[in-house]
Protein backbone atom coordinates (compact mmCIF):
# COMPACT_ATOMS: atom_id res chain seq x y z
CA MET A 1 178.60 84.25 85.50
CA GLU A 2 180.36 87.43 86.50
CA VAL A 3 184.24 88.00 86.02
CA GLN A 4 186.47 90.95 86.72
CA VAL A 5 188.21 92.05 83.14
CA ASN A 6 190.75 94.90 83.64
CA GLY A 7 189.13 95.73 87.01
CA GLU A 8 185.30 96.07 85.78
CA TRP A 9 183.06 93.29 86.44
CA ARG A 10 181.33 91.94 83.46
CA ALA A 11 178.81 89.05 82.57
CA PHE A 12 179.21 86.50 80.51
CA PRO A 13 177.69 82.95 80.02
CA GLU A 14 178.81 79.86 82.12
CA GLY A 15 181.12 77.85 80.36
CA THR A 16 182.81 80.91 78.26
CA THR A 17 186.15 80.19 77.49
CA VAL A 18 189.37 82.83 76.97
CA ALA A 19 188.70 83.03 73.28
CA GLY A 20 184.77 83.19 73.59
CA LEU A 21 185.45 86.20 76.09
CA VAL A 22 187.84 88.04 73.83
CA GLU A 23 185.78 87.57 71.01
CA ALA A 24 183.00 89.06 72.98
CA LEU A 25 184.79 91.87 73.81
CA GLY A 26 185.36 92.65 70.23
CA ALA A 27 188.98 92.62 70.80
CA ALA A 28 191.28 91.99 67.97
CA PRO A 29 193.53 88.49 68.85
CA GLN A 30 196.72 89.56 67.40
CA GLY A 31 199.08 91.68 69.76
CA ILE A 32 196.98 91.16 72.93
CA ALA A 33 198.20 88.70 75.89
CA VAL A 34 195.36 87.42 78.71
CA ALA A 35 196.37 86.53 81.99
CA LEU A 36 193.88 84.50 84.20
CA ASP A 37 193.96 85.32 87.73
CA GLY A 38 197.51 86.20 87.42
CA GLU A 39 198.62 83.48 84.99
CA VAL A 40 199.34 84.39 81.44
CA VAL A 41 197.25 82.08 79.21
CA ARG A 42 199.05 80.68 75.87
CA ARG A 43 197.06 81.87 72.59
CA GLY A 44 196.84 78.22 71.95
CA ASP A 45 195.23 77.15 74.97
CA TRP A 46 192.10 80.13 74.64
CA ALA A 47 189.62 77.85 73.01
CA GLU A 48 190.16 75.08 75.87
CA VAL A 49 190.46 77.53 78.98
CA VAL A 50 187.07 77.77 80.57
CA VAL A 51 186.97 80.94 82.60
CA PRO A 52 185.55 80.22 86.11
CA ALA A 53 183.08 82.40 87.54
CA GLY A 54 184.40 85.10 89.98
CA ALA A 55 187.57 85.17 88.09
CA ARG A 56 189.96 88.13 87.39
CA LEU A 57 191.25 88.75 83.47
CA GLU A 58 193.62 91.33 82.64
CA ILE A 59 194.04 91.51 78.85
CA LEU A 60 197.03 93.27 77.40
CA THR A 61 197.53 95.01 74.17
CA ALA A 62 201.32 94.90 73.01
CA VAL A 63 202.66 98.47 72.32
CA GLN A 64 205.21 99.22 69.91
CA GLY A 65 207.75 102.31 70.39
CA GLY A 66 210.43 103.54 72.53
């Protein structure tokens, strides 16, 4: 299936969860937030939320500083 991650179309297996997608991208789960089609997905729900084909995901990294 194709999904858009941070503006770039990427292919993932059908049934991929948010947690699986973050892992497949090699992103460390600490310090990031994920929005699926404009809605933030709680970290505790990542393992259960299946990403649908054509979805738009934004993966944001927390930045410290001022």
